[in-house]
Amino acid sequence: MSDVEARPTNFIRQIIDNDLAEGKYQTIQTRFPPEPNGYLHIGHAKAICLNFGIAQDYRGKCNLRFDDTNPVKEDVEYVESIKHDVQWLGFRWDGEVRYSSDYFEQLYHYAIELIQKGLAYVDELSADEIREHRGTLTQAGKNSPYRDRTIDENLSLFNKMKNGEFAEGKACLRAKIDMTSPFIVMRDPVLYRIKFANHHQTGDAWCIYPMYDFTHCISDAIENITHSLCTLEFQDNRRLYDWVLDNITISSRPHQYEFSRLNLEYAITSKRKLNLLVAEKIVDGWDDPRMPTVSGMRRRGYSAASIREFCQRIGITKQENTVEMSALEFCVREDLNENAPRAMVVIDPVKVIIENFSESLDEILMMPNHPNRPELGQRDVAFTRELYIDRADFREEANKNYKRLVLGKEVRLRNAYVIRADRVEKDDEGKIKTIYCSYDPATLNKNPEDGRKVKGVIHWVSAKFALPAEIRLYDRLFNTPNPGAADDFLATINPESLLIKQGFVEPSLRDSKAEFSYQFEREGYFCLDSKYGKDNNLVFNRTVGLRDSWSE
């Protein structure tokens, strides 16, 4: 079976299979064409996996091209972040990075060609007037009073636009198609507008900039893209895509195919709304671990492999649907359970003193880094008289369903001894300050010799050697599955999407690397924060819990 046949199929792959079988193309050429006006999100990850994945599987090529036609909203910061995200996800583009701005001169001459054919005109209506003339879904548009200018007049005016002789908003170039078309996108769409703004690639060389719909199809054709893949909201735009290519002199004829975008529960993927979260400082930047951005998920500890697996599992269809957040988290858990080494952390510490353990003894215990992968090795963990356990792992009284430490009863410490809680010391407010225990020295990774049964295992760290750490417990940013549908999506923010705790981690985590994931025993998957976990400052982000608590 070939590599292509071994992969799950979808309607796009079926189209490609047919095109290759019919000899329509010899080599498949795709592209990933983001606009650099924000960071990539999980929806872009789906498009990346689709475009680059098809190129890989069919031994073709995939370009990374920035559709950079709006200098007002674009920035080099976004360009660099996008390149980093694509590489981190495990993909490599063909040749050099491309920009639509590389083709500005060619685009300009294609616009001239449309004017010369009587298919484009310079319009001096205002933006509001153009909107009024365009009509509605139930009412046809009406022609601009400038629509019937002569070719020579349009050429002269377009040249004035190019030379900066019009103020912004005072003129634009429109295609001359059909103001009565049932498709609003075909009602004389704007092809060029004036913007006196510095462009991150071309500087001040241009003051007229082509619109996305005009630029996109020509850029695809220039790059000999065979299959132009985009999401369903561009379905009607395909008519304009084809109209432009039909009416200019260009040999390549890519075809646009649309697939459903990724809608994810408890998340938004609108760049405008994501930008608002950043601008209003509701989140800690585009890479906030609560954001559905690729950089945010990376900082949170999501692995590239888990995101690729998620994108493969949800598939490619034309059917709009919303994917449960638990589906993404399942892929993350599955990957990290297999690959993340284990460690211990106490998030809400309470001190334990083992009274029958020597004060002068620091016993070194060997613990596996992974219970099922001996090749990941072992680590030394010091067991001392004074320990920390999590406050939730002790009760003075409890029923038989509570499998942790109870006053007067026993529990096993992870990879260590069985201990019994004998008494407690409380502060002036009645809060437990210290739990005094005794241990059974014959139970190191063994059952008690007298055959008594000890139920429950809890984690711990040495009070003497443990390292203080900030533990950031991230949860879903929104309380409702579809925040984008709310009248005010900001009102649906989860106030407990970030809880910060001061805890202790075992000393093996001293040299943790940013974004390298661990399973903290019984707590979840965590990684060192790439922004704040520096200079011996241990800040760990919770990637995801050990199980899905939202579905319970």
Protein backbone atom coordinates (compact mmCIF):
# COMPACT_ATOMS: atom_id res chain seq x y z
CA MET A 1 0.00 0.00 0.00
CA SER A 2 1.35 3.46 -0.90
CA ASP A 3 1.79 6.33 1.54
CA VAL A 4 -1.22 8.08 0.00
CA GLU A 5 -3.48 5.03 0.25
CA ALA A 6 -2.48 4.46 3.86
CA ARG A 7 -3.79 7.86 4.97
CA PRO A 8 -7.42 8.61 5.86
CA THR A 9 -9.11 10.05 2.81
CA ASN A 10 -11.47 13.02 2.38
CA PHE A 11 -13.19 14.77 -0.49
CA ILE A 12 -10.13 16.92 -1.26
CA ARG A 13 -7.83 13.92 -1.44
CA GLN A 14 -10.35 12.18 -3.67
CA ILE A 15 -10.30 15.18 -6.02
CA ILE A 16 -6.49 15.11 -6.08
CA ASP A 17 -6.47 11.37 -6.72
CA ASN A 18 -8.78 11.88 -9.71
CA ASP A 19 -6.74 14.82 -11.03
CA LEU A 20 -3.55 12.77 -10.90
CA ALA A 21 -5.22 9.73 -12.46
CA GLU A 22 -6.47 11.87 -15.34
CA GLY A 23 -3.04 13.42 -15.83
CA LYS A 24 -4.31 16.91 -15.07
CA TYR A 25 -1.25 17.59 -12.91
CA GLN A 26 2.13 15.96 -12.63
CA THR A 27 3.00 17.55 -9.28
CA ILE A 28 0.72 18.79 -6.52
CA GLN A 29 1.38 22.35 -5.34
CA THR A 30 -0.43 23.79 -2.31
CA ARG A 31 0.12 26.85 -0.16
CA PHE A 32 -0.65 28.14 3.31
CA PRO A 33 -1.53 31.84 2.91
CA PRO A 34 -2.09 33.58 6.28
CA GLU A 35 -2.55 37.31 6.64
CA PRO A 36 0.07 38.58 9.14
CA ASN A 37 -2.43 40.52 11.25
CA GLY A 38 -2.33 38.30 14.32
CA TYR A 39 -1.03 35.02 15.69
CA LEU A 40 -2.12 31.66 14.31
CA HIS A 41 -4.88 29.79 16.14
CA ILE A 42 -6.11 26.20 16.21
CA GLY A 43 -8.17 26.78 13.05
CA HIS A 44 -5.00 27.74 11.21
CA ALA A 45 -3.36 24.59 12.56
CA LYS A 46 -6.04 22.57 10.76
CA ALA A 47 -5.29 24.43 7.51
CA ILE A 48 -1.54 23.98 8.00
CA CYS A 49 -1.89 20.23 8.55
CA LEU A 50 -4.14 19.98 5.49
CA ASN A 51 -1.99 21.97 3.05
CA PHE A 52 1.41 20.76 4.19
CA GLY A 53 0.12 17.25 4.83
CA ILE A 54 -1.21 16.91 1.30
CA ALA A 55 2.07 18.18 -0.13
CA GLN A 56 3.99 15.64 1.95
CA ASP A 57 1.76 12.69 1.17
CA TYR A 58 1.63 13.35 -2.57
CA ARG A 59 5.33 14.22 -2.74
CA GLY A 60 4.44 17.71 -3.85
CA LYS A 61 5.32 21.16 -2.55
CA CYS A 62 3.69 23.64 -0.20
CA ASN A 63 4.47 27.36 -0.13
CA LEU A 64 4.23 29.63 2.87
CA ARG A 65 2.86 32.89 1.49
CA PHE A 66 1.83 35.91 3.50
CA ASP A 67 -1.20 37.64 2.01
CA ASP A 68 0.05 41.02 3.14
CA THR A 69 -2.27 43.49 1.43
CA ASN A 70 -3.31 45.58 4.44
CA PRO A 71 -0.28 47.32 6.01
CA VAL A 72 -2.44 49.04 8.64
CA LYS A 73 -3.13 45.77 10.50
CA GLU A 74 0.02 43.79 9.71
CA ASP A 75 3.33 43.57 11.52
CA VAL A 76 6.69 41.80 11.26
CA GLU A 77 6.00 40.36 14.74
CA TYR A 78 3.12 38.39 13.26
CA VAL A 79 5.22 37.28 10.30
CA GLU A 80 7.92 35.84 12.57
CA SER A 81 5.43 34.19 14.91
CA ILE A 82 3.68 32.48 12.00
CA LYS A 83 6.94 31.14 10.58
CA HIS A 84 7.85 29.80 14.04
CA ASP A 85 4.46 28.15 14.50
CA VAL A 86 4.56 26.38 11.14
CA GLN A 87 8.03 25.01 11.86
CA TRP A 88 7.12 24.01 15.40
CA LEU A 89 4.14 22.05 14.09
CA GLY A 90 6.65 20.01 12.12
CA PHE A 91 6.34 21.39 8.60
CA ARG A 92 8.75 22.97 6.11
CA TRP A 93 7.70 25.18 3.23
CA ASP A 94 9.12 24.97 -0.25
CA GLY A 95 11.89 27.45 -1.02
CA GLU A 96 11.86 30.95 0.42
CA VAL A 97 8.96 32.49 2.28
CA ARG A 98 6.69 34.27 -0.21
CA TYR A 99 4.66 37.43 0.15
CA SER A 100 1.79 38.73 -1.93
CA SER A 101 3.67 42.02 -1.83
CA ASP A 102 6.34 40.30 -3.97
CA TYR A 103 3.75 40.51 -6.76
CA PHE A 104 2.55 44.10 -6.28
CA GLU A 105 4.05 45.21 -9.59
CA GLN A 106 2.45 42.31 -11.46
CA LEU A 107 -0.87 42.86 -9.71
CA TYR A 108 -0.80 46.50 -10.71
CA HIS A 109 -0.31 45.59 -14.37
CA TYR A 110 -3.14 43.05 -14.21
CA ALA A 111 -5.36 45.83 -12.85
CA ILE A 112 -4.29 47.98 -15.83
CA GLU A 113 -5.23 45.10 -18.12
CA LEU A 114 -8.74 44.94 -16.65
CA ILE A 115 -9.13 48.70 -17.12
CA GLN A 116 -7.97 48.43 -20.74
CA LYS A 117 -10.56 45.70 -21.34
CA GLY A 118 -13.29 47.92 -19.90
CA LEU A 119 -13.64 45.61 -16.90
CA ALA A 120 -12.52 47.98 -14.13
CA TYR A 121 -13.15 51.62 -13.29
CA VAL A 122 -12.10 54.24 -10.77
CA ASP A 123 -14.97 55.04 -8.43
CA GLU A 124 -15.15 58.17 -6.30
CA LEU A 125 -18.09 57.14 -4.15
CA SER A 126 -17.35 57.05 -0.41
CA ALA A 127 -17.21 53.74 1.41
CA ASP A 128 -20.68 54.36 2.83
CA GLU A 129 -22.06 55.25 -0.58
CA ILE A 130 -20.56 52.11 -2.11
CA ARG A 131 -22.21 50.10 0.63
CA GLU A 132 -25.58 51.75 -0.07
CA HIS A 133 -25.28 51.19 -3.82
CA ARG A 134 -24.36 47.52 -3.31
CA GLY A 135 -27.86 46.56 -2.22
CA THR A 136 -28.83 43.64 0.03
CA LEU A 137 -29.43 39.92 -0.24
CA THR A 138 -33.00 40.66 -1.37
CA GLN A 139 -32.43 43.92 -3.25
CA ALA A 140 -30.21 44.38 -6.30
CA GLY A 141 -27.47 46.96 -6.27
CA LYS A 142 -27.34 50.02 -8.49
CA ASN A 143 -24.57 51.31 -10.69
CA SER A 144 -22.15 53.95 -9.50
CA PRO A 145 -22.43 57.27 -11.38
CA TYR A 146 -18.70 56.81 -12.17
CA ARG A 147 -19.14 53.35 -13.70
CA ASP A 148 -19.27 54.47 -17.34
CA ARG A 149 -16.05 56.46 -17.43
CA THR A 150 -13.93 55.90 -20.51
CA ILE A 151 -10.95 53.58 -20.50
CA ASP A 152 -8.55 56.48 -20.95
CA GLU A 153 -10.13 58.38 -18.07
CA ASN A 154 -9.90 55.33 -15.79
CA LEU A 155 -6.26 54.76 -16.73
CA SER A 156 -5.45 58.38 -15.94
CA LEU A 157 -7.30 58.33 -12.61
CA PHE A 158 -5.78 55.01 -11.56
CA ASN A 159 -2.35 56.46 -12.27
CA LYS A 160 -3.23 59.42 -10.04
CA MET A 161 -4.25 56.99 -7.32
CA LYS A 162 -0.90 55.27 -7.65
CA ASN A 163 0.95 58.59 -7.48
CA GLY A 164 -0.79 59.65 -4.28
CA GLU A 165 -2.90 62.39 -5.84
CA PHE A 166 -6.09 61.23 -4.10
CA ALA A 167 -6.67 61.29 -0.35
CA GLU A 168 -7.54 58.03 1.40
CA GLY A 169 -11.14 57.06 0.82
CA LYS A 170 -11.61 59.47 -2.08
CA ALA A 171 -11.15 56.93 -4.85
CA CYS A 172 -10.85 53.19 -5.42
CA LEU A 173 -10.65 50.79 -8.34
CA ARG A 174 -13.64 48.51 -8.80
CA ALA A 175 -14.27 45.57 -11.08
CA LYS A 176 -17.09 46.10 -13.56
CA ILE A 177 -19.13 42.92 -13.27
CA ASP A 178 -22.84 42.99 -12.40
CA MET A 179 -24.58 45.12 -9.78
CA THR A 180 -27.68 42.91 -10.03
CA SER A 181 -25.83 39.65 -9.34
CA PRO A 182 -27.46 37.47 -6.67
CA PHE A 183 -23.96 37.16 -5.21
CA ILE A 184 -23.00 40.40 -3.49
CA VAL A 185 -19.31 39.61 -3.93
CA MET A 186 -19.83 40.05 -7.69
CA ARG A 187 -21.45 43.49 -7.45
CA ASP A 188 -18.49 45.48 -8.70
CA PRO A 189 -16.10 44.55 -5.88
CA VAL A 190 -13.29 46.90 -4.92
CA LEU A 191 -9.94 45.79 -6.35
CA TYR A 192 -7.65 48.57 -5.05
CA ARG A 193 -7.89 51.13 -2.27
CA ILE A 194 -5.65 53.95 -1.11
CA LYS A 195 -3.66 53.63 2.12
CA PHE A 196 -0.85 55.97 3.05
CA ALA A 197 0.79 53.45 5.35
CA ASN A 198 4.26 51.99 5.62
CA HIS A 199 4.32 48.36 4.54
CA HIS A 200 6.49 45.89 6.47
CA GLN A 201 7.95 44.52 3.22
CA THR A 202 7.69 47.31 0.61
CA GLY A 203 8.03 50.36 2.84
CA ASP A 204 6.56 53.47 1.20
CA ALA A 205 6.86 52.22 -2.38
CA TRP A 206 3.08 51.98 -2.74
CA CYS A 207 0.10 53.98 -1.56
CA ILE A 208 -2.47 51.79 -3.33
CA TYR A 209 -2.97 48.26 -2.11
CA PRO A 210 -4.85 45.40 -3.80
CA MET A 211 -7.76 43.78 -2.04
CA TYR A 212 -7.50 40.21 -0.80
CA ASP A 213 -9.86 38.65 -3.37
CA PHE A 214 -7.96 40.21 -6.29
CA THR A 215 -4.55 39.38 -4.85
CA HIS A 216 -5.23 35.87 -3.65
CA CYS A 217 -6.23 34.22 -6.91
CA ILE A 218 -3.46 35.91 -8.91
CA SER A 219 -0.83 34.97 -6.32
CA ASP A 220 -2.02 31.36 -6.52
CA ALA A 221 -1.73 31.47 -10.30
CA ILE A 222 1.73 33.05 -10.26
CA GLU A 223 2.91 30.28 -7.93
CA ASN A 224 1.25 27.56 -10.06
CA ILE A 225 -0.86 26.34 -7.16
CA THR A 226 -2.86 23.31 -8.27
CA HIS A 227 -5.39 23.14 -5.43
CA SER A 228 -6.29 26.33 -3.60
CA LEU A 229 -7.78 25.22 -0.29
CA CYS A 230 -9.76 27.60 1.91
CA THR A 231 -12.64 27.57 4.37
CA LEU A 232 -16.32 27.67 3.50
CA GLU A 233 -16.83 31.38 4.14
CA PHE A 234 -14.92 31.97 0.89
CA GLN A 235 -17.28 29.78 -1.14
CA ASP A 236 -19.04 32.69 -2.85
CA ASN A 237 -15.68 34.40 -3.39
CA ARG A 238 -14.73 31.56 -5.72
CA ARG A 239 -16.88 33.26 -8.37
CA LEU A 240 -14.73 36.37 -8.15
CA TYR A 241 -11.58 34.22 -7.96
CA ASP A 242 -12.52 32.61 -11.27
CA TRP A 243 -13.72 35.88 -12.86
CA VAL A 244 -10.39 37.57 -12.24
CA LEU A 245 -8.38 34.68 -13.67
CA ASP A 246 -10.75 34.41 -16.65
CA ASN A 247 -10.17 38.04 -17.55
CA ILE A 248 -6.42 38.50 -17.23
CA THR A 249 -3.60 37.08 -19.32
CA ILE A 250 -2.20 34.31 -17.16
CA SER A 251 -1.62 30.68 -18.06
CA SER A 252 -2.04 28.94 -14.71
CA ARG A 253 -5.59 28.18 -13.56
CA PRO A 254 -5.75 27.00 -9.94
CA HIS A 255 -9.09 25.80 -8.64
CA GLN A 256 -10.43 26.81 -5.24
CA TYR A 257 -11.90 24.13 -2.96
CA GLU A 258 -13.62 24.93 0.31
CA PHE A 259 -13.76 22.94 3.54
CA SER A 260 -15.41 23.63 6.88
CA ARG A 261 -13.50 25.76 9.33
CA LEU A 262 -12.67 24.50 12.80
CA ASN A 263 -15.10 25.66 15.45
CA LEU A 264 -13.96 24.64 18.92
CA GLU A 265 -16.08 24.64 22.07
CA TYR A 266 -15.16 27.10 24.84
CA ALA A 267 -12.93 29.04 22.44
CA ILE A 268 -13.08 31.80 19.87
CA THR A 269 -11.09 31.91 16.66
CA SER A 270 -11.99 35.40 15.50
CA LYS A 271 -8.76 37.39 15.15
CA ARG A 272 -10.66 40.57 15.94
CA LYS A 273 -11.93 39.17 19.23
CA LEU A 274 -8.60 37.57 20.07
CA ASN A 275 -6.92 40.91 19.42
CA LEU A 276 -9.42 42.57 21.76
CA LEU A 277 -8.50 40.14 24.54
CA VAL A 278 -4.85 41.09 24.06
CA ALA A 279 -5.43 44.84 23.68
CA GLU A 280 -7.64 45.00 26.79
CA LYS A 281 -5.06 42.94 28.73
CA ILE A 282 -7.68 40.35 29.62
CA VAL A 283 -5.03 37.79 28.72
CA ASP A 284 -1.26 37.86 28.94
CA GLY A 285 -0.60 38.43 25.24
CA TRP A 286 -1.23 36.32 22.14
CA ASP A 287 0.72 33.46 23.73
CA ASP A 288 -1.35 33.36 26.92
CA PRO A 289 -1.81 29.64 27.69
CA ARG A 290 -5.59 30.14 27.75
CA MET A 291 -5.63 31.42 24.17
CA PRO A 292 -6.45 29.01 21.30
CA THR A 293 -3.37 30.28 19.48
CA VAL A 294 -0.61 27.89 18.46
CA SER A 295 1.86 29.91 20.55
CA GLY A 296 -0.51 29.84 23.52
CA MET A 297 -0.96 26.09 23.29
CA ARG A 298 2.79 25.61 22.94
CA ARG A 299 3.45 27.73 26.04
CA ARG A 300 0.79 25.76 27.89
CA GLY A 301 2.55 22.50 27.08
CA TYR A 302 0.54 21.09 24.17
CA SER A 303 2.79 19.01 21.95
CA ALA A 304 2.96 19.53 18.21
CA ALA A 305 2.23 15.83 17.74
CA SER A 306 -1.00 16.06 19.72
CA ILE A 307 -2.23 19.03 17.66
CA ARG A 308 -1.42 17.22 14.41
CA GLU A 309 -3.24 14.13 15.70
CA PHE A 310 -6.27 16.22 16.66
CA CYS A 311 -6.40 17.83 13.20
CA GLN A 312 -6.23 14.40 11.58
CA ARG A 313 -8.98 12.95 13.77
CA ILE A 314 -11.51 15.72 13.17
CA GLY A 315 -11.08 15.26 9.42
CA ILE A 316 -11.88 17.47 6.43
CA THR A 317 -15.50 17.91 5.35
CA LYS A 318 -17.87 20.53 3.96
CA GLN A 319 -20.16 20.13 6.98
CA GLU A 320 -19.97 22.95 9.54
CA ASN A 321 -19.78 21.61 13.07
CA THR A 322 -18.34 22.41 16.46
CA VAL A 323 -15.70 20.14 17.94
CA GLU A 324 -15.70 19.46 21.66
CA MET A 325 -12.74 20.84 23.58
CA SER A 326 -12.46 17.43 25.22
CA ALA A 327 -11.48 15.96 21.83
CA LEU A 328 -8.42 18.21 21.68
CA GLU A 329 -7.58 17.58 25.33
CA PHE A 330 -7.89 13.82 24.79
CA CYS A 331 -5.21 13.99 22.07
CA VAL A 332 -2.97 15.99 24.40
CA ARG A 333 -3.43 13.56 27.29
CA GLU A 334 -2.84 10.56 25.06
CA ASP A 335 0.45 11.95 23.78
CA LEU A 336 1.73 13.21 27.14
CA ASN A 337 0.74 10.05 29.00
CA GLU A 338 3.00 8.14 26.64
CA ASN A 339 5.89 10.59 26.51
CA ALA A 340 5.96 12.86 29.57
CA PRO A 341 8.31 11.84 32.41
CA ARG A 342 6.85 11.77 35.92
CA ALA A 343 7.66 14.04 38.83
CA MET A 344 6.04 15.09 42.11
CA VAL A 345 4.70 18.47 43.13
CA VAL A 346 2.68 19.62 46.11
CA ILE A 347 0.43 22.50 45.09
CA ASP A 348 -1.26 23.27 48.43
CA PRO A 349 1.34 22.11 50.97
CA VAL A 350 0.92 21.04 54.54
CA LYS A 351 3.90 19.78 56.54
CA VAL A 352 4.28 16.19 57.63
CA ILE A 353 6.82 15.21 60.32
CA ILE A 354 7.67 11.51 60.57
CA GLU A 355 8.61 11.26 64.22
CA ASN A 356 10.25 7.83 64.09
CA PHE A 357 12.47 8.77 61.11
CA SER A 358 15.98 10.01 61.96
CA GLU A 359 16.48 13.78 61.78
CA SER A 360 20.00 13.25 60.43
CA LEU A 361 19.06 10.80 57.66
CA ASP A 362 18.45 11.81 54.05
CA GLU A 363 17.51 8.57 52.36
CA ILE A 364 17.89 8.57 48.58
CA LEU A 365 15.13 6.67 46.79
CA MET A 366 15.29 5.63 43.14
CA MET A 367 12.13 6.42 41.18
CA PRO A 368 11.28 5.59 37.58
CA ASN A 369 10.83 8.56 35.26
CA HIS A 370 8.03 6.70 33.52
CA PRO A 371 6.17 3.59 34.78
CA ASN A 372 6.02 1.98 31.32
CA ARG A 373 9.17 3.25 29.66
CA PRO A 374 12.32 2.09 31.43
CA GLU A 375 14.44 3.67 28.68
CA LEU A 376 13.58 7.07 30.17
CA GLY A 377 15.67 6.14 33.20
CA GLN A 378 15.38 6.87 36.90
CA ARG A 379 15.92 9.80 39.22
CA ASP A 380 17.11 10.22 42.80
CA VAL A 381 14.56 11.61 45.27
CA ALA A 382 15.47 12.37 48.88
CA PHE A 383 13.19 11.03 51.60
CA THR A 384 13.53 13.02 54.83
CA ARG A 385 11.94 13.35 58.26
CA GLU A 386 9.96 16.41 57.17
CA LEU A 387 7.82 16.26 54.05
CA TYR A 388 5.07 18.19 52.34
CA ILE A 389 1.85 16.58 51.17
CA ASP A 390 -1.14 18.22 49.57
CA ARG A 391 -3.65 19.59 52.06
CA ALA A 392 -6.49 17.85 50.20
CA ASP A 393 -4.80 14.50 50.89
CA PHE A 394 -5.48 14.60 54.63
CA ARG A 395 -8.61 14.59 56.76
CA GLU A 396 -9.08 14.21 60.44
CA GLU A 397 -12.21 12.16 59.77
CA ALA A 398 -13.44 10.53 56.57
CA ASN A 399 -15.67 7.77 55.29
CA LYS A 400 -14.34 4.56 53.77
CA ASN A 401 -14.47 6.00 50.24
CA TYR A 402 -11.69 8.45 51.07
CA LYS A 403 -8.47 6.70 50.02
CA ARG A 404 -5.93 9.14 51.38
CA LEU A 405 -4.42 9.96 54.76
CA VAL A 406 -6.80 10.03 57.72
CA LEU A 407 -5.97 10.64 61.37
CA GLY A 408 -5.22 7.29 62.98
CA LYS A 409 -4.98 5.47 59.64
CA GLU A 410 -2.36 4.61 57.05
CA VAL A 411 -1.58 5.52 53.45
CA ARG A 412 1.33 4.83 51.12
CA LEU A 413 3.63 7.59 49.96
CA ARG A 414 4.32 7.30 46.24
CA ASN A 415 7.39 5.07 45.58
CA ALA A 416 8.21 5.14 49.30
CA TYR A 417 6.85 4.00 52.68
CA VAL A 418 3.54 3.47 54.41
CA ILE A 419 2.87 6.17 57.02
CA ARG A 420 0.23 6.59 59.74
CA ALA A 421 -1.17 9.93 60.90
CA ASP A 422 -0.91 10.09 64.69
CA ARG A 423 -1.77 13.67 65.65
CA VAL A 424 -2.03 17.19 64.26
CA GLU A 425 -0.96 20.68 65.29
CA LYS A 426 -3.17 23.63 64.41
CA ASP A 427 -2.64 27.37 64.28
CA ASP A 428 -4.66 29.97 66.21
CA GLU A 429 -7.36 29.94 63.54
CA GLY A 430 -7.80 26.18 63.73
CA LYS A 431 -6.06 25.44 60.45
CA ILE A 432 -3.85 22.36 60.40
CA LYS A 433 -0.21 23.43 60.44
CA THR A 434 1.59 20.08 60.89
CA ILE A 435 0.64 16.42 60.68
CA TYR A 436 2.74 14.15 62.92
CA CYS A 437 3.15 10.68 61.53
CA SER A 438 5.05 7.44 61.94
CA TYR A 439 6.34 5.21 59.17
CA ASP A 440 6.79 1.49 58.74
CA PRO A 441 10.45 1.02 57.68
CA ALA A 442 9.73 -2.42 56.22
CA THR A 443 7.32 -1.08 53.57
CA LEU A 444 9.64 0.61 51.06
CA ASN A 445 7.82 -0.33 47.85
CA LYS A 446 6.52 -3.42 49.65
CA ASN A 447 3.32 -4.40 51.38
CA PRO A 448 3.31 -4.55 55.22
CA GLU A 449 4.81 -7.78 56.49
CA ASP A 450 1.85 -8.59 58.73
CA GLY A 451 -0.49 -8.67 55.73
CA ARG A 452 -2.56 -5.61 56.61
CA LYS A 453 -4.06 -3.83 53.63
CA VAL A 454 -3.21 -0.19 52.97
CA LYS A 455 -5.47 1.53 50.50
CA GLY A 456 -4.51 4.73 48.77
CA VAL A 457 -1.31 6.34 47.49
CA ILE A 458 -0.44 10.02 47.83
CA HIS A 459 2.43 12.08 46.48
CA TRP A 460 4.91 14.08 48.51
CA VAL A 461 8.13 16.11 48.41
CA SER A 462 10.94 16.52 50.91
CA ALA A 463 10.56 19.73 52.94
CA LYS A 464 14.35 19.93 53.17
CA PHE A 465 15.14 19.61 49.45
CA ALA A 466 11.98 20.63 47.62
CA LEU A 467 12.09 23.78 45.51
CA PRO A 468 9.50 26.55 45.79
CA ALA A 469 7.53 26.99 42.60
CA GLU A 470 4.63 28.98 41.26
CA ILE A 471 1.96 26.64 39.92
CA ARG A 472 -0.42 28.13 37.37
CA LEU A 473 -3.65 26.19 37.06
CA TYR A 474 -5.07 27.09 33.66
CA ASP A 475 -8.59 26.20 32.70
CA ARG A 476 -10.92 27.09 29.85
CA LEU A 477 -11.11 30.80 29.15
CA PHE A 478 -14.87 30.85 28.71
CA ASN A 479 -17.72 29.40 30.72
CA THR A 480 -20.01 28.79 27.77
CA PRO A 481 -19.44 26.37 24.88
CA ASN A 482 -20.09 29.03 22.24
CA PRO A 483 -18.79 32.37 23.54
CA GLY A 484 -18.72 33.85 20.04
CA ALA A 485 -22.53 33.69 19.88
CA ALA A 486 -22.99 35.76 23.05
CA ASP A 487 -24.08 39.39 22.81
CA ASP A 488 -20.98 40.23 24.84
CA PHE A 489 -18.44 37.46 24.60
CA LEU A 490 -16.34 39.12 27.31
CA ALA A 491 -19.19 38.51 29.77
CA THR A 492 -18.67 34.76 29.34
CA ILE A 493 -15.05 34.79 30.56
CA ASN A 494 -14.36 32.16 33.19
CA PRO A 495 -13.16 34.04 36.32
CA GLU A 496 -11.25 30.92 37.40
CA SER A 497 -9.49 30.34 34.09
CA LEU A 498 -6.23 31.00 35.93
CA LEU A 499 -5.50 30.19 39.57
CA ILE A 500 -1.97 30.77 40.87
CA LYS A 501 -0.65 28.62 43.72
CA GLN A 502 2.66 28.65 45.61
CA GLY A 503 3.83 25.09 46.02
CA PHE A 504 6.91 22.87 46.07
CA VAL A 505 8.42 20.59 43.41
CA GLU A 506 10.98 17.86 43.71
CA PRO A 507 14.59 19.01 43.05
CA SER A 508 14.89 17.05 39.79
CA LEU A 509 12.88 19.86 38.20
CA ARG A 510 15.55 22.47 38.93
CA ASP A 511 16.85 22.33 35.36
CA SER A 512 13.51 22.03 33.59
CA LYS A 513 13.35 23.34 30.04
CA ALA A 514 10.61 25.66 28.89
CA GLU A 515 7.62 23.91 27.28
CA PHE A 516 8.99 20.45 28.19
CA SER A 517 6.12 18.50 29.67
CA TYR A 518 5.93 16.42 32.84
CA GLN A 519 3.18 14.46 34.45
CA PHE A 520 2.98 15.71 38.01
CA GLU A 521 1.80 12.62 39.86
CA ARG A 522 -1.94 12.70 40.52
CA GLU A 523 -2.20 16.38 39.48
CA GLY A 524 -1.98 16.55 35.70
CA TYR A 525 0.45 17.52 32.97
CA PHE A 526 2.61 20.60 33.44
CA CYS A 527 5.46 22.43 31.76
CA LEU A 528 7.84 25.22 32.68
CA ASP A 529 6.49 28.56 31.48
CA SER A 530 8.58 30.02 28.65
CA LYS A 531 7.90 33.63 29.65
CA TYR A 532 8.25 33.63 33.43
CA GLY A 533 10.06 30.38 34.20
CA LYS A 534 13.55 31.84 33.85
CA ASP A 535 16.58 32.68 35.99
CA ASN A 536 15.88 29.91 38.51
CA ASN A 537 12.31 31.13 38.81
CA LEU A 538 10.21 27.98 38.60
CA VAL A 539 6.79 28.70 37.12
CA PHE A 540 4.84 25.69 35.87
CA ASN A 541 1.72 25.80 33.71
CA ARG A 542 -0.93 23.12 33.90
CA THR A 543 -1.40 21.83 30.39
CA VAL A 544 -4.38 19.61 31.14
CA GLY A 545 -5.67 17.51 34.02
CA LEU A 546 -5.29 13.75 34.18
CA ARG A 547 -8.92 13.36 33.20
CA ASP A 548 -11.74 15.44 31.75
CA SER A 549 -13.38 17.12 34.73
CA TRP A 550 -15.75 19.21 32.56
CA SER A 551 -17.77 16.22 31.39
CA GLU A 552 -18.38 14.90 34.89
